[in-house]
């Protein structure tokens, strides 16, 4: 069992969630129940699954939750790329979100691979 708050991947995922939630403040209100809701849910899912997995009994169970966190990060990336194509929101925040998403993906993948 890991203390999830000490995990760098959880800390970085929390930073990503903060940044994503800041980014969606500037999106068009007509996206409230579409992109805004999706970005909110998948960005929160990343650190949540890391935290939940850290409490599991086996490394394999933890790895499954890391996989879920990773897939949520790909979902987030897709939502952000849709925003980029639609030219929604603050471009600098969007670029920072995409860069941090990529960094978190690499960290989760590497951490998951090193668990075994």
C-alpha atoms as a PDB file:
ATOM      1  CA  UNK A   1       0.000   0.000   0.000  1.00  0.00           C
ATOM      2  CA  UNK A   2       1.272   3.465  -0.918  1.00  0.00           C
ATOM      3  CA  UNK A   3       0.527   6.791   0.679  1.00  0.00           C
ATOM      4  CA  UNK A   4      -0.949   8.286  -2.480  1.00  0.00           C
ATOM      5  CA  UNK A   5      -0.310  11.877  -1.388  1.00  0.00           C
ATOM      6  CA  UNK A   6       3.433  11.173  -1.515  1.00  0.00           C
ATOM      7  CA  UNK A   7       3.293   9.756  -5.037  1.00  0.00           C
ATOM      8  CA  UNK A   8       4.705  12.159  -7.632  1.00  0.00           C
ATOM      9  CA  UNK A   9       2.245  10.841 -10.209  1.00  0.00           C
ATOM     10  CA  UNK A  10      -0.685  11.696  -7.936  1.00  0.00           C
ATOM     11  CA  UNK A  11       0.730  15.173  -7.200  1.00  0.00           C
ATOM     12  CA  UNK A  12       1.271  15.851 -10.913  1.00  0.00           C
ATOM     13  CA  UNK A  13      -2.209  14.508 -11.722  1.00  0.00           C
ATOM     14  CA  UNK A  14      -3.661  16.908  -9.136  1.00  0.00           C
ATOM     15  CA  UNK A  15      -1.788  19.751 -10.852  1.00  0.00           C
ATOM     16  CA  UNK A  16      -3.319  18.641 -14.137  1.00  0.00           C
ATOM     17  CA  UNK A  17      -6.800  18.600 -12.621  1.00  0.00           C
ATOM     18  CA  UNK A  18      -6.306  22.134 -11.279  1.00  0.00           C
ATOM     19  CA  UNK A  19      -5.084  23.347 -14.649  1.00  0.00           C
ATOM     20  CA  UNK A  20      -7.905  21.651 -16.566  1.00  0.00           C
ATOM     21  CA  UNK A  21     -10.532  23.084 -14.217  1.00  0.00           C
ATOM     22  CA  UNK A  22      -9.008  26.515 -14.681  1.00  0.00           C
ATOM     23  CA  UNK A  23      -9.051  26.075 -18.465  1.00  0.00           C
ATOM     24  CA  UNK A  24     -12.751  25.141 -18.657  1.00  0.00           C
ATOM     25  CA  UNK A  25     -13.744  28.388 -16.932  1.00  0.00           C
ATOM     26  CA  UNK A  26     -13.166  30.110 -20.292  1.00  0.00           C
ATOM     27  CA  UNK A  27     -15.137  27.681 -22.467  1.00  0.00           C
ATOM     28  CA  UNK A  28     -18.435  28.673 -24.095  1.00  0.00           C
ATOM     29  CA  UNK A  29     -21.437  28.167 -21.837  1.00  0.00           C
ATOM     30  CA  UNK A  30     -23.174  26.078 -24.511  1.00  0.00           C
ATOM     31  CA  UNK A  31     -20.522  23.403 -23.810  1.00  0.00           C
ATOM     32  CA  UNK A  32     -21.537  23.185 -20.145  1.00  0.00           C
ATOM     33  CA  UNK A  33     -23.082  19.725 -20.436  1.00  0.00           C
ATOM     34  CA  UNK A  34     -20.688  18.465 -23.081  1.00  0.00           C
ATOM     35  CA  UNK A  35     -16.996  19.317 -23.128  1.00  0.00           C
ATOM     36  CA  UNK A  36     -16.942  21.138 -19.791  1.00  0.00           C
ATOM     37  CA  UNK A  37     -18.584  18.217 -17.999  1.00  0.00           C
ATOM     38  CA  UNK A  38     -16.368  15.652 -19.761  1.00  0.00           C
ATOM     39  CA  UNK A  39     -13.146  17.552 -19.009  1.00  0.00           C
ATOM     40  CA  UNK A  40     -14.200  17.959 -15.390  1.00  0.00           C
ATOM     41  CA  UNK A  41     -14.960  14.271 -14.938  1.00  0.00           C
ATOM     42  CA  UNK A  42     -11.985  12.749 -16.747  1.00  0.00           C
ATOM     43  CA  UNK A  43      -9.460  15.172 -15.225  1.00  0.00           C
ATOM     44  CA  UNK A  44     -10.740  14.357 -11.716  1.00  0.00           C
ATOM     45  CA  UNK A  45     -10.685  10.643 -12.539  1.00  0.00           C
ATOM     46  CA  UNK A  46      -6.924  10.580 -13.056  1.00  0.00           C
ATOM     47  CA  UNK A  47      -5.745  11.372  -9.494  1.00  0.00           C
ATOM     48  CA  UNK A  48      -8.815   9.639  -8.049  1.00  0.00           C
ATOM     49  CA  UNK A  49      -7.893   6.313  -9.654  1.00  0.00           C
ATOM     50  CA  UNK A  50      -4.260   6.662  -8.609  1.00  0.00           C
ATOM     51  CA  UNK A  51      -5.400   7.246  -5.025  1.00  0.00           C
ATOM     52  CA  UNK A  52      -7.924   4.406  -5.079  1.00  0.00           C
ATOM     53  CA  UNK A  53      -5.440   1.985  -6.603  1.00  0.00           C
ATOM     54  CA  UNK A  54      -2.815   2.813  -3.999  1.00  0.00           C
ATOM     55  CA  UNK A  55      -5.023   1.230  -1.354  1.00  0.00           C
ATOM     56  CA  UNK A  56      -5.415  -2.103  -3.132  1.00  0.00           C
ATOM     57  CA  UNK A  57      -3.842  -5.246  -1.732  1.00  0.00           C
ATOM     58  CA  UNK A  58      -1.816  -6.355  -4.712  1.00  0.00           C
ATOM     59  CA  UNK A  59       0.450  -4.731  -7.263  1.00  0.00           C
ATOM     60  CA  UNK A  60      -1.766  -6.133 -10.012  1.00  0.00           C
ATOM     61  CA  UNK A  61      -4.838  -4.407  -8.586  1.00  0.00           C
ATOM     62  CA  UNK A  62      -2.921  -1.136  -8.295  1.00  0.00           C
ATOM     63  CA  UNK A  63      -1.754  -1.527 -11.909  1.00  0.00           C
ATOM     64  CA  UNK A  64      -5.384  -1.902 -13.047  1.00  0.00           C
ATOM     65  CA  UNK A  65      -6.285   1.419 -11.419  1.00  0.00           C
ATOM     66  CA  UNK A  66      -3.219   3.039 -12.979  1.00  0.00           C
ATOM     67  CA  UNK A  67      -4.459   1.773 -16.339  1.00  0.00           C
ATOM     68  CA  UNK A  68      -7.823   3.396 -15.668  1.00  0.00           C
ATOM     69  CA  UNK A  69      -6.059   6.650 -14.742  1.00  0.00           C
ATOM     70  CA  UNK A  70      -4.061   6.421 -17.960  1.00  0.00           C
ATOM     71  CA  UNK A  71      -7.157   5.843 -20.085  1.00  0.00           C
ATOM     72  CA  UNK A  72      -8.831   8.821 -18.399  1.00  0.00           C
ATOM     73  CA  UNK A  73      -5.804  10.916 -19.361  1.00  0.00           C
ATOM     74  CA  UNK A  74      -6.257   9.874 -23.009  1.00  0.00           C
ATOM     75  CA  UNK A  75      -9.920  10.834 -22.743  1.00  0.00           C
ATOM     76  CA  UNK A  76      -8.880  14.216 -21.344  1.00  0.00           C
ATOM     77  CA  UNK A  77      -6.361  14.680 -24.145  1.00  0.00           C
ATOM     78  CA  UNK A  78      -9.076  13.987 -26.710  1.00  0.00           C
ATOM     79  CA  UNK A  79     -11.449  16.515 -25.138  1.00  0.00           C
ATOM     80  CA  UNK A  80      -8.669  19.114 -25.120  1.00  0.00           C
ATOM     81  CA  UNK A  81      -7.834  18.403 -28.762  1.00  0.00           C
ATOM     82  CA  UNK A  82     -11.496  18.929 -29.633  1.00  0.00           C
ATOM     83  CA  UNK A  83     -11.299  22.289 -27.867  1.00  0.00           C
ATOM     84  CA  UNK A  84      -8.153  23.097 -29.832  1.00  0.00           C
ATOM     85  CA  UNK A  85      -9.873  22.278 -33.118  1.00  0.00           C
ATOM     86  CA  UNK A  86     -12.861  24.414 -32.120  1.00  0.00           C
ATOM     87  CA  UNK A  87     -10.524  27.215 -30.960  1.00  0.00           C
ATOM     88  CA  UNK A  88     -12.186  27.257 -27.533  1.00  0.00           C
ATOM     89  CA  UNK A  89     -10.793  28.900 -24.427  1.00  0.00           C
ATOM     90  CA  UNK A  90      -7.424  30.368 -23.599  1.00  0.00           C
ATOM     91  CA  UNK A  91      -4.777  29.059 -25.992  1.00  0.00           C
ATOM     92  CA  UNK A  92      -1.928  29.243 -23.469  1.00  0.00           C
ATOM     93  CA  UNK A  93      -3.895  27.345 -20.825  1.00  0.00           C
ATOM     94  CA  UNK A  94      -4.849  24.762 -23.422  1.00  0.00           C
ATOM     95  CA  UNK A  95      -1.232  24.280 -24.506  1.00  0.00           C
ATOM     96  CA  UNK A  96      -0.174  23.918 -20.849  1.00  0.00           C
ATOM     97  CA  UNK A  97      -2.955  21.378 -20.260  1.00  0.00           C
ATOM     98  CA  UNK A  98      -1.908  19.323 -23.272  1.00  0.00           C
ATOM     99  CA  UNK A  99       1.756  19.395 -22.241  1.00  0.00           C
ATOM    100  CA  UNK A 100       0.969  18.407 -18.661  1.00  0.00           C
ATOM    101  CA  UNK A 101      -1.383  15.671 -19.866  1.00  0.00           C
ATOM    102  CA  UNK A 102       1.437  14.184 -21.914  1.00  0.00           C
ATOM    103  CA  UNK A 103       3.808  14.386 -18.947  1.00  0.00           C
ATOM    104  CA  UNK A 104       1.294  12.685 -16.641  1.00  0.00           C
ATOM    105  CA  UNK A 105       0.696   9.939 -19.208  1.00  0.00           C
ATOM    106  CA  UNK A 106       4.408   9.189 -19.390  1.00  0.00           C
ATOM    107  CA  UNK A 107       4.716   9.194 -15.599  1.00  0.00           C
ATOM    108  CA  UNK A 108       1.765   6.839 -15.088  1.00  0.00           C
ATOM    109  CA  UNK A 109       2.999   4.485 -17.796  1.00  0.00           C
ATOM    110  CA  UNK A 110       6.507   4.357 -16.341  1.00  0.00           C
ATOM    111  CA  UNK A 111       5.236   3.923 -12.769  1.00  0.00           C
ATOM    112  CA  UNK A 112       2.908   1.125 -13.827  1.00  0.00           C
ATOM    113  CA  UNK A 113       5.695  -0.640 -15.708  1.00  0.00           C
ATOM    114  CA  UNK A 114       8.023  -0.405 -12.680  1.00  0.00           C
ATOM    115  CA  UNK A 115       5.457  -1.842 -10.262  1.00  0.00           C
ATOM    116  CA  UNK A 116       6.089  -5.404 -11.390  1.00  0.00           C
END
